[in-house]
N, C-alpha and C. Protein backbone atom coordinates (compact mmCIF):
# COMPACT_ATOMS: atom_id res chain seq x y z
N UNK A 1 -8.82 32.85 150.73
CA UNK A 1 -9.20 33.35 149.27
C UNK A 1 -10.53 34.41 149.64
N UNK A 2 -10.76 35.17 148.98
CA UNK A 2 -11.69 36.07 149.11
C UNK A 2 -12.83 35.59 148.16
N UNK A 3 -13.83 35.51 148.70
CA UNK A 3 -15.07 34.78 148.15
C UNK A 3 -15.53 35.74 146.62
N UNK A 4 -15.02 37.05 146.89
CA UNK A 4 -15.47 38.03 145.67
C UNK A 4 -14.35 37.85 144.82
N UNK A 5 -13.55 37.04 144.70
CA UNK A 5 -12.76 36.99 143.47
C UNK A 5 -13.03 35.72 142.82
N UNK A 6 -13.42 36.13 140.96
CA UNK A 6 -13.96 35.13 140.32
C UNK A 6 -12.95 34.88 139.36
N UNK A 7 -13.21 33.97 138.47
CA UNK A 7 -12.10 33.86 137.40
C UNK A 7 -12.62 35.01 136.18
N UNK A 8 -13.94 35.49 136.05
CA UNK A 8 -14.36 36.50 135.34
C UNK A 8 -13.96 37.69 135.83
N UNK A 9 -13.87 38.03 137.16
CA UNK A 9 -13.34 39.20 137.71
C UNK A 9 -11.77 39.24 137.06
N UNK A 10 -10.83 38.27 137.39
CA UNK A 10 -9.79 38.32 136.94
C UNK A 10 -9.52 38.47 135.56
N UNK A 11 -10.04 37.81 134.82
CA UNK A 11 -9.91 37.99 133.25
C UNK A 11 -10.12 39.36 133.34
N UNK A 12 -11.37 40.23 133.91
CA UNK A 12 -11.34 41.22 133.13
C UNK A 12 -10.42 42.45 133.79
N UNK A 13 -9.42 42.01 134.54
CA UNK A 13 -8.62 43.03 135.19
C UNK A 13 -7.23 42.61 134.39
N UNK A 14 -7.25 41.54 133.79
CA UNK A 14 -5.65 41.07 133.56
C UNK A 14 -5.17 42.23 132.59
N UNK A 15 -5.97 43.02 131.47
CA UNK A 15 -5.36 44.01 130.71
C UNK A 15 -4.99 45.07 131.51
N UNK A 16 -5.43 45.75 132.38
CA UNK A 16 -5.01 46.95 133.38
C UNK A 16 -3.80 46.48 134.11
N UNK A 17 -3.69 45.19 134.21
CA UNK A 17 -2.30 44.77 134.91
C UNK A 17 -1.02 44.29 134.15
N UNK A 18 -1.63 44.24 132.66
CA UNK A 18 -0.52 44.02 131.70
C UNK A 18 0.69 44.97 131.63
N UNK A 19 2.03 44.35 131.77
CA UNK A 19 3.17 45.20 131.66
C UNK A 19 3.73 45.06 130.43
N UNK A 20 3.45 46.00 129.47
CA UNK A 20 3.91 46.28 128.16
C UNK A 20 5.31 46.08 127.74
N UNK A 21 5.98 46.51 128.55
CA UNK A 21 7.42 46.83 128.56
C UNK A 21 7.90 45.28 128.51
N UNK A 22 7.47 44.29 129.54
CA UNK A 22 7.88 43.14 129.39
C UNK A 22 7.52 42.13 128.26
N UNK A 23 6.83 42.73 127.49
CA UNK A 23 6.22 41.73 126.50
C UNK A 23 7.10 42.37 125.00
N UNK A 24 8.17 43.17 125.11
CA UNK A 24 8.75 43.54 123.65
C UNK A 24 9.12 42.27 123.10
N UNK A 25 8.78 42.29 122.03
CA UNK A 25 9.21 41.30 120.95
C UNK A 25 8.54 39.89 121.12
N UNK A 26 7.19 40.04 122.13
CA UNK A 26 6.54 38.83 122.04
C UNK A 26 5.35 38.85 121.59
N UNK A 27 4.77 37.62 120.81
CA UNK A 27 3.73 37.26 120.16
C UNK A 27 3.38 36.06 120.62
N UNK A 28 2.18 35.95 121.27
CA UNK A 28 1.68 34.69 121.53
C UNK A 28 0.28 34.70 122.20
N UNK A 29 -0.25 33.34 122.25
CA UNK A 29 -1.74 33.16 122.51
C UNK A 29 -1.36 32.25 123.77
N UNK A 30 -2.11 32.51 124.79
CA UNK A 30 -1.99 31.83 125.98
C UNK A 30 -3.61 31.44 126.46
N UNK A 31 -3.79 30.19 125.92
CA UNK A 31 -4.99 29.55 125.85
C UNK A 31 -5.39 28.86 127.43
N UNK A 32 -6.34 28.98 128.03
CA UNK A 32 -6.82 28.64 129.75
C UNK A 32 -8.04 27.68 129.60
N UNK A 33 -7.95 26.50 129.74
CA UNK A 33 -8.78 25.59 129.91
C UNK A 33 -9.28 25.31 131.10
N UNK A 34 -10.23 25.58 131.72
CA UNK A 34 -10.43 25.51 132.96
C UNK A 34 -11.53 24.65 133.29
N UNK A 35 -11.51 23.32 133.87
CA UNK A 35 -12.27 22.29 134.18
C UNK A 35 -13.74 22.84 134.60
N UNK A 36 -13.67 23.84 135.46
CA UNK A 36 -15.04 24.08 135.93
C UNK A 36 -15.64 25.34 135.81
N UNK A 37 -14.90 26.16 134.84
CA UNK A 37 -15.36 27.33 134.70
C UNK A 37 -15.26 27.94 133.24
N UNK A 38 -15.59 28.98 132.53
CA UNK A 38 -15.47 29.28 131.24
C UNK A 38 -13.93 29.49 130.62
N UNK A 39 -13.54 28.97 129.49
CA UNK A 39 -12.36 28.94 128.88
C UNK A 39 -12.21 30.14 128.24
N UNK A 40 -10.90 30.81 128.11
CA UNK A 40 -10.57 32.13 127.81
C UNK A 40 -8.94 31.81 127.18
N UNK A 41 -8.59 32.92 126.62
CA UNK A 41 -7.11 33.12 125.94
C UNK A 41 -6.89 34.49 126.17
N UNK A 42 -5.77 34.88 126.35
CA UNK A 42 -5.09 35.87 126.08
C UNK A 42 -4.39 36.19 125.08
N UNK A 43 -4.27 37.14 124.32
CA UNK A 43 -3.47 37.58 122.82
C UNK A 43 -2.44 38.70 123.67
N UNK A 44 -1.40 38.36 123.20
CA UNK A 44 -0.24 39.29 123.47
C UNK A 44 0.60 39.50 122.00
N UNK A 45 0.16 40.69 121.58
CA UNK A 45 0.63 41.21 120.14
C UNK A 45 1.20 42.71 120.31
N UNK A 46 2.38 42.96 119.63
CA UNK A 46 2.76 44.31 119.79
C UNK A 46 2.59 44.98 121.20
N UNK A 47 3.27 44.43 122.25
CA UNK A 47 3.05 44.96 123.63
C UNK A 47 1.84 45.56 124.00
N UNK A 48 0.60 44.69 123.19
CA UNK A 48 -0.78 44.74 123.66
C UNK A 48 -1.25 43.40 124.35
N UNK A 49 -2.45 43.59 124.98
CA UNK A 49 -3.09 42.56 125.71
C UNK A 49 -4.51 42.26 125.69
N UNK A 50 -5.19 41.56 125.38
CA UNK A 50 -6.44 41.36 125.10
C UNK A 50 -7.22 40.13 126.02
N UNK A 51 -8.06 39.87 126.19
CA UNK A 51 -8.70 38.50 126.79
C UNK A 51 -9.89 38.25 125.96
N UNK A 52 -10.05 37.21 125.55
CA UNK A 52 -11.23 36.74 124.97
C UNK A 52 -11.79 35.13 125.49
N UNK A 53 -13.28 35.18 125.63
CA UNK A 53 -13.86 34.10 126.17
C UNK A 53 -13.47 32.85 125.08
N UNK A 54 -13.68 31.75 125.15
CA UNK A 54 -13.77 30.77 124.28
C UNK A 54 -12.20 30.08 124.08
N UNK A 55 -12.48 29.04 123.20
CA UNK A 55 -11.08 28.69 122.77
C UNK A 55 -10.38 29.16 121.45
N UNK A 56 -8.85 29.49 121.45
CA UNK A 56 -8.30 29.92 120.33
C UNK A 56 -8.08 28.55 119.12
N UNK A 57 -7.99 28.83 118.14
CA UNK A 57 -7.87 27.64 117.09
C UNK A 57 -6.03 27.23 117.09
N UNK A 58 -5.62 28.07 117.57
CA UNK A 58 -4.00 27.70 117.44
C UNK A 58 -3.13 28.27 118.36
N UNK A 59 -3.46 28.13 119.92
CA UNK A 59 -2.57 29.05 120.67
C UNK A 59 -1.33 28.47 120.79
N UNK A 60 -0.51 29.36 121.44
CA UNK A 60 0.95 29.16 121.93
C UNK A 60 1.19 28.03 122.77
N UNK A 61 0.49 28.25 123.65
CA UNK A 61 0.52 27.35 124.67
C UNK A 61 -0.81 27.39 125.39
N UNK A 62 -1.32 25.89 125.92
CA UNK A 62 -2.45 25.68 126.64
C UNK A 62 -1.98 25.33 127.82
N UNK A 63 -2.56 26.10 128.76
CA UNK A 63 -2.74 25.90 130.42
C UNK A 63 -3.96 24.91 131.04
N UNK A 64 -3.74 23.93 131.43
CA UNK A 64 -5.29 23.34 131.86
C UNK A 64 -5.07 23.19 133.73
N UNK A 65 -6.21 23.57 134.09
CA UNK A 65 -6.29 23.29 135.47
C UNK A 65 -7.98 23.76 135.72
N UNK A 66 -7.86 23.82 137.30
CA UNK A 66 -9.65 24.20 137.63
C UNK A 66 -9.55 25.51 138.28
N UNK A 67 -10.68 26.06 138.27
CA UNK A 67 -10.74 27.54 138.61
C UNK A 67 -10.06 27.93 139.82
N UNK A 68 -10.04 26.92 140.87
CA UNK A 68 -9.41 27.42 142.20
C UNK A 68 -8.12 27.54 142.01
N UNK A 69 -7.43 26.52 141.28
CA UNK A 69 -5.68 26.57 141.23
C UNK A 69 -5.72 27.98 140.29
N UNK A 70 -6.05 28.53 139.26
CA UNK A 70 -6.29 29.35 138.67
C UNK A 70 -6.23 30.67 139.32
N UNK A 71 -7.45 31.06 140.26
CA UNK A 71 -7.51 32.00 141.50
C UNK A 71 -5.89 32.04 142.38
N UNK A 72 -5.86 30.99 142.72
CA UNK A 72 -4.62 30.79 143.78
C UNK A 72 -3.37 31.32 143.12
N UNK A 73 -2.98 31.20 141.69
CA UNK A 73 -1.78 31.25 140.97
C UNK A 73 -1.89 32.64 140.79
N UNK A 74 -2.96 33.02 140.31
CA UNK A 74 -3.03 34.60 139.76
C UNK A 74 -2.90 35.60 141.07
N UNK A 75 -3.35 35.19 142.12
CA UNK A 75 -3.49 36.08 143.51
C UNK A 75 -2.27 35.90 144.05
N UNK A 76 -1.13 35.22 143.63
CA UNK A 76 -0.13 34.66 144.64
C UNK A 76 -0.10 33.56 145.90
N UNK A 77 -1.32 33.01 145.77
CA UNK A 77 -1.41 32.22 147.07
C UNK A 77 -0.80 30.71 146.55
N UNK A 78 -0.57 30.82 145.40
CA UNK A 78 0.30 29.48 145.00
C UNK A 78 0.99 29.71 143.88
N UNK A 79 2.24 29.25 143.93
CA UNK A 79 3.35 29.46 142.94
C UNK A 79 2.90 28.55 141.52
N UNK A 80 3.07 29.02 140.62
CA UNK A 80 2.68 28.32 139.12
C UNK A 80 3.38 26.95 139.32
N UNK A 81 4.65 27.05 139.35
CA UNK A 81 5.50 25.81 139.37
C UNK A 81 5.00 24.55 140.31
N UNK A 82 4.62 25.20 141.41
CA UNK A 82 4.25 24.29 142.42
C UNK A 82 2.96 23.50 142.04
N UNK A 83 1.99 24.45 141.24
CA UNK A 83 0.49 23.71 141.11
C UNK A 83 1.19 22.63 140.08
N UNK A 84 2.14 22.91 139.04
CA UNK A 84 2.50 21.96 138.18
C UNK A 84 3.17 21.05 138.76
N UNK A 85 3.89 20.94 139.56
CA UNK A 85 4.61 19.90 140.34
C UNK A 85 3.66 18.75 140.86
N UNK A 86 2.46 19.62 141.41
CA UNK A 86 1.56 18.61 142.40
C UNK A 86 0.47 18.32 141.34
N UNK A 87 0.64 18.37 139.79
CA UNK A 87 -0.56 18.03 139.18
C UNK A 87 -1.75 18.60 138.64
N UNK A 88 -1.68 19.81 139.48
CA UNK A 88 -2.70 20.67 139.47
C UNK A 88 -2.88 21.70 138.42
N UNK A 89 -1.98 21.84 137.47
CA UNK A 89 -1.64 22.62 136.18
C UNK A 89 -0.76 21.73 135.30
N UNK A 90 -1.66 21.60 134.21
CA UNK A 90 -0.80 21.15 132.94
C UNK A 90 -0.49 22.15 131.76
N UNK A 91 0.33 22.21 131.07
CA UNK A 91 0.75 22.87 130.03
C UNK A 91 0.99 21.88 128.83
N UNK A 92 0.62 22.60 128.04
CA UNK A 92 0.67 21.87 126.31
C UNK A 92 1.24 22.98 125.67
N UNK A 93 2.25 22.67 124.61
CA UNK A 93 2.77 23.54 123.80
C UNK A 93 3.96 24.30 124.07
N UNK A 94 4.24 25.14 123.76
CA UNK A 94 5.44 26.14 124.01
C UNK A 94 5.21 26.43 125.29
N UNK A 95 5.82 25.73 126.35
CA UNK A 95 5.75 25.56 127.60
C UNK A 95 6.84 26.55 128.55
N UNK A 96 7.78 27.16 127.46
CA UNK A 96 8.76 28.33 128.05
C UNK A 96 7.73 29.44 128.51
N UNK A 97 6.65 29.48 127.19
CA UNK A 97 5.78 30.62 127.84
C UNK A 97 5.36 30.83 129.01
N UNK A 98 4.91 29.87 129.84
CA UNK A 98 4.32 29.88 130.93
C UNK A 98 5.42 30.28 132.04
N UNK A 99 6.76 30.12 131.75
CA UNK A 99 7.39 31.08 132.59
C UNK A 99 7.73 32.56 132.50
N UNK A 100 7.07 32.82 131.38
CA UNK A 100 7.00 34.43 131.20
C UNK A 100 5.95 34.99 131.55
N UNK A 101 5.04 33.97 131.71
CA UNK A 101 3.45 34.91 132.08
C UNK A 101 3.43 35.69 133.34
N UNK A 102 3.92 35.32 134.01
CA UNK A 102 4.22 36.15 135.65
C UNK A 102 4.84 37.45 135.29
N UNK A 103 5.64 37.39 134.66
CA UNK A 103 6.39 39.12 134.31
C UNK A 103 5.42 39.88 133.59
N UNK A 104 4.29 39.40 132.74
CA UNK A 104 3.67 40.04 132.06
C UNK A 104 2.69 40.88 132.86
N UNK A 105 2.46 40.53 133.87
CA UNK A 105 1.15 40.91 134.74
C UNK A 105 1.69 41.34 136.29
N UNK A 106 1.28 42.80 136.31
CA UNK A 106 1.64 43.30 137.86
C UNK A 106 0.65 42.82 138.73
N UNK A 107 1.58 43.03 140.00
CA UNK A 107 0.79 42.34 141.11
C UNK A 107 -0.40 43.42 141.45
N UNK A 108 -1.73 42.88 142.14
CA UNK A 108 -2.63 43.55 142.27
C UNK A 108 -2.26 45.10 142.98
N UNK A 109 -1.08 45.00 143.85
CA UNK A 109 -0.84 45.59 144.85
C UNK A 109 -0.57 47.27 144.21
């Protein structure tokens, strides 16, 4: 993992990697609770994506993990399902949304 990849940088780049066509008819709040970094959430509404620091009062799904797991999953170094099976990632709420998350954002390449 490159040392210059941080949670804050990943969050800042998410809207530019958003695939609006994959979000047709989707309205959801993805809350990320990071054990060792700042919490944030992604709002998907009307094929738009925004990121916000903090906690949403009523997220559609909450994903709990540490910052390293978050970065590894986002950068493709670890599969989200693998992290879930190893207990590194927990999901609460509409867990089906977790399976859609990867399709909503294009690879950085």
